[in-house]
């Protein structure tokens, strides 16, 4: 069973702001960004310990494309993933 994902409100706002920024750079780029975020979240949800620990229980996941995004993963012990984008 995949880990439960908990989104911080700050993460939601940052993703929304980032999507607006990517759209401003080039129309349609925000869609690529959103897809990259979703794919990365699914990878994290299925394999949270596959990502390098950066600080205590914080792990960083990068998408598979050239967009600059990272997702911090914490609280693996509680079988819950808190995403900070």
C-alpha atoms as a PDB file:
ATOM      1  CA  UNK A   1       0.000   0.000   0.000  1.00  0.00           C
ATOM      2  CA  UNK A   2       1.446   3.405  -0.959  1.00  0.00           C
ATOM      3  CA  UNK A   3       2.356   5.870   1.734  1.00  0.00           C
ATOM      4  CA  UNK A   4      -0.162   8.550   2.616  1.00  0.00           C
ATOM      5  CA  UNK A   5       0.718  11.952   1.148  1.00  0.00           C
ATOM      6  CA  UNK A   6       0.215  15.089   3.208  1.00  0.00           C
ATOM      7  CA  UNK A   7       0.551  18.384   1.373  1.00  0.00           C
ATOM      8  CA  UNK A   8       1.505  21.490   3.293  1.00  0.00           C
ATOM      9  CA  UNK A   9      -0.453  24.562   2.268  1.00  0.00           C
ATOM     10  CA  UNK A  10       2.874  26.276   1.582  1.00  0.00           C
ATOM     11  CA  UNK A  11       3.719  23.510  -0.895  1.00  0.00           C
ATOM     12  CA  UNK A  12       0.416  23.985  -2.697  1.00  0.00           C
ATOM     13  CA  UNK A  13       1.024  27.716  -2.962  1.00  0.00           C
ATOM     14  CA  UNK A  14       4.589  27.249  -4.193  1.00  0.00           C
ATOM     15  CA  UNK A  15       3.461  24.824  -6.889  1.00  0.00           C
ATOM     16  CA  UNK A  16       0.739  27.254  -7.962  1.00  0.00           C
ATOM     17  CA  UNK A  17       3.247  30.123  -8.114  1.00  0.00           C
ATOM     18  CA  UNK A  18       5.771  27.982  -9.988  1.00  0.00           C
ATOM     19  CA  UNK A  19       3.143  26.958 -12.546  1.00  0.00           C
ATOM     20  CA  UNK A  20       2.320  30.628 -13.140  1.00  0.00           C
ATOM     21  CA  UNK A  21       6.025  31.430 -13.545  1.00  0.00           C
ATOM     22  CA  UNK A  22       6.553  28.592 -16.055  1.00  0.00           C
ATOM     23  CA  UNK A  23       3.490  29.701 -18.032  1.00  0.00           C
ATOM     24  CA  UNK A  24       4.892  33.224 -18.159  1.00  0.00           C
ATOM     25  CA  UNK A  25       8.169  31.858 -19.544  1.00  0.00           C
ATOM     26  CA  UNK A  26       6.447  29.839 -22.263  1.00  0.00           C
ATOM     27  CA  UNK A  27       2.810  28.879 -22.666  1.00  0.00           C
ATOM     28  CA  UNK A  28       2.387  25.150 -22.090  1.00  0.00           C
ATOM     29  CA  UNK A  29       5.506  24.830 -19.955  1.00  0.00           C
ATOM     30  CA  UNK A  30       3.346  24.901 -16.812  1.00  0.00           C
ATOM     31  CA  UNK A  31       1.751  21.641 -17.959  1.00  0.00           C
ATOM     32  CA  UNK A  32       5.148  19.972 -18.274  1.00  0.00           C
ATOM     33  CA  UNK A  33       5.965  21.247 -14.791  1.00  0.00           C
ATOM     34  CA  UNK A  34       2.698  19.867 -13.341  1.00  0.00           C
ATOM     35  CA  UNK A  35       3.290  16.474 -14.970  1.00  0.00           C
ATOM     36  CA  UNK A  36       6.867  16.400 -13.619  1.00  0.00           C
ATOM     37  CA  UNK A  37       5.597  17.158 -10.113  1.00  0.00           C
ATOM     38  CA  UNK A  38       2.907  14.445 -10.298  1.00  0.00           C
ATOM     39  CA  UNK A  39       5.334  11.809 -11.594  1.00  0.00           C
ATOM     40  CA  UNK A  40       7.865  12.670  -8.897  1.00  0.00           C
ATOM     41  CA  UNK A  41       5.228  12.499  -6.167  1.00  0.00           C
ATOM     42  CA  UNK A  42       4.179   9.042  -7.378  1.00  0.00           C
ATOM     43  CA  UNK A  43       7.825   7.867  -7.357  1.00  0.00           C
ATOM     44  CA  UNK A  44       8.254   9.248  -3.840  1.00  0.00           C
ATOM     45  CA  UNK A  45       5.020   7.673  -2.665  1.00  0.00           C
ATOM     46  CA  UNK A  46       6.033   4.258  -3.970  1.00  0.00           C
ATOM     47  CA  UNK A  47       9.737   4.351  -3.035  1.00  0.00           C
ATOM     48  CA  UNK A  48      10.401   7.016  -0.362  1.00  0.00           C
ATOM     49  CA  UNK A  49      13.652   5.495   0.875  1.00  0.00           C
ATOM     50  CA  UNK A  50      15.156   5.452  -2.625  1.00  0.00           C
ATOM     51  CA  UNK A  51      16.091   9.131  -2.312  1.00  0.00           C
ATOM     52  CA  UNK A  52      19.169  10.546  -0.625  1.00  0.00           C
ATOM     53  CA  UNK A  53      18.887  11.905   2.901  1.00  0.00           C
ATOM     54  CA  UNK A  54      19.960  15.550   2.992  1.00  0.00           C
ATOM     55  CA  UNK A  55      19.233  16.501   6.602  1.00  0.00           C
ATOM     56  CA  UNK A  56      18.101  14.214   9.419  1.00  0.00           C
ATOM     57  CA  UNK A  57      14.915  12.650   8.017  1.00  0.00           C
ATOM     58  CA  UNK A  58      14.596  14.922   4.966  1.00  0.00           C
ATOM     59  CA  UNK A  59      15.075  13.360   1.542  1.00  0.00           C
ATOM     60  CA  UNK A  60      15.171  15.192  -1.772  1.00  0.00           C
ATOM     61  CA  UNK A  61      13.566  13.952  -4.989  1.00  0.00           C
ATOM     62  CA  UNK A  62      14.198  15.489  -8.410  1.00  0.00           C
ATOM     63  CA  UNK A  63      12.011  14.982 -11.485  1.00  0.00           C
ATOM     64  CA  UNK A  64      13.350  13.112 -14.520  1.00  0.00           C
ATOM     65  CA  UNK A  65      13.400  16.165 -16.782  1.00  0.00           C
ATOM     66  CA  UNK A  66      15.312  19.425 -16.888  1.00  0.00           C
ATOM     67  CA  UNK A  67      12.812  21.455 -14.860  1.00  0.00           C
ATOM     68  CA  UNK A  68      14.152  22.703 -11.556  1.00  0.00           C
ATOM     69  CA  UNK A  69      11.992  21.122  -8.875  1.00  0.00           C
ATOM     70  CA  UNK A  70      12.652  19.265  -5.682  1.00  0.00           C
ATOM     71  CA  UNK A  71      10.406  17.582  -3.201  1.00  0.00           C
ATOM     72  CA  UNK A  72      11.457  17.110   0.393  1.00  0.00           C
ATOM     73  CA  UNK A  73      10.207  13.956   2.050  1.00  0.00           C
ATOM     74  CA  UNK A  74       9.969  13.626   5.799  1.00  0.00           C
ATOM     75  CA  UNK A  75       8.517  11.276   8.408  1.00  0.00           C
ATOM     76  CA  UNK A  76       9.038   7.956   6.611  1.00  0.00           C
ATOM     77  CA  UNK A  77       9.002   6.206   9.961  1.00  0.00           C
ATOM     78  CA  UNK A  78       5.353   7.091  10.508  1.00  0.00           C
ATOM     79  CA  UNK A  79       4.502   5.781   7.016  1.00  0.00           C
ATOM     80  CA  UNK A  80       3.398   9.259   6.061  1.00  0.00           C
ATOM     81  CA  UNK A  81       5.027  11.545   3.534  1.00  0.00           C
ATOM     82  CA  UNK A  82       4.939  15.266   4.061  1.00  0.00           C
ATOM     83  CA  UNK A  83       5.762  17.060   0.845  1.00  0.00           C
ATOM     84  CA  UNK A  84       7.508  20.383   0.870  1.00  0.00           C
ATOM     85  CA  UNK A  85       7.961  21.712  -2.627  1.00  0.00           C
END
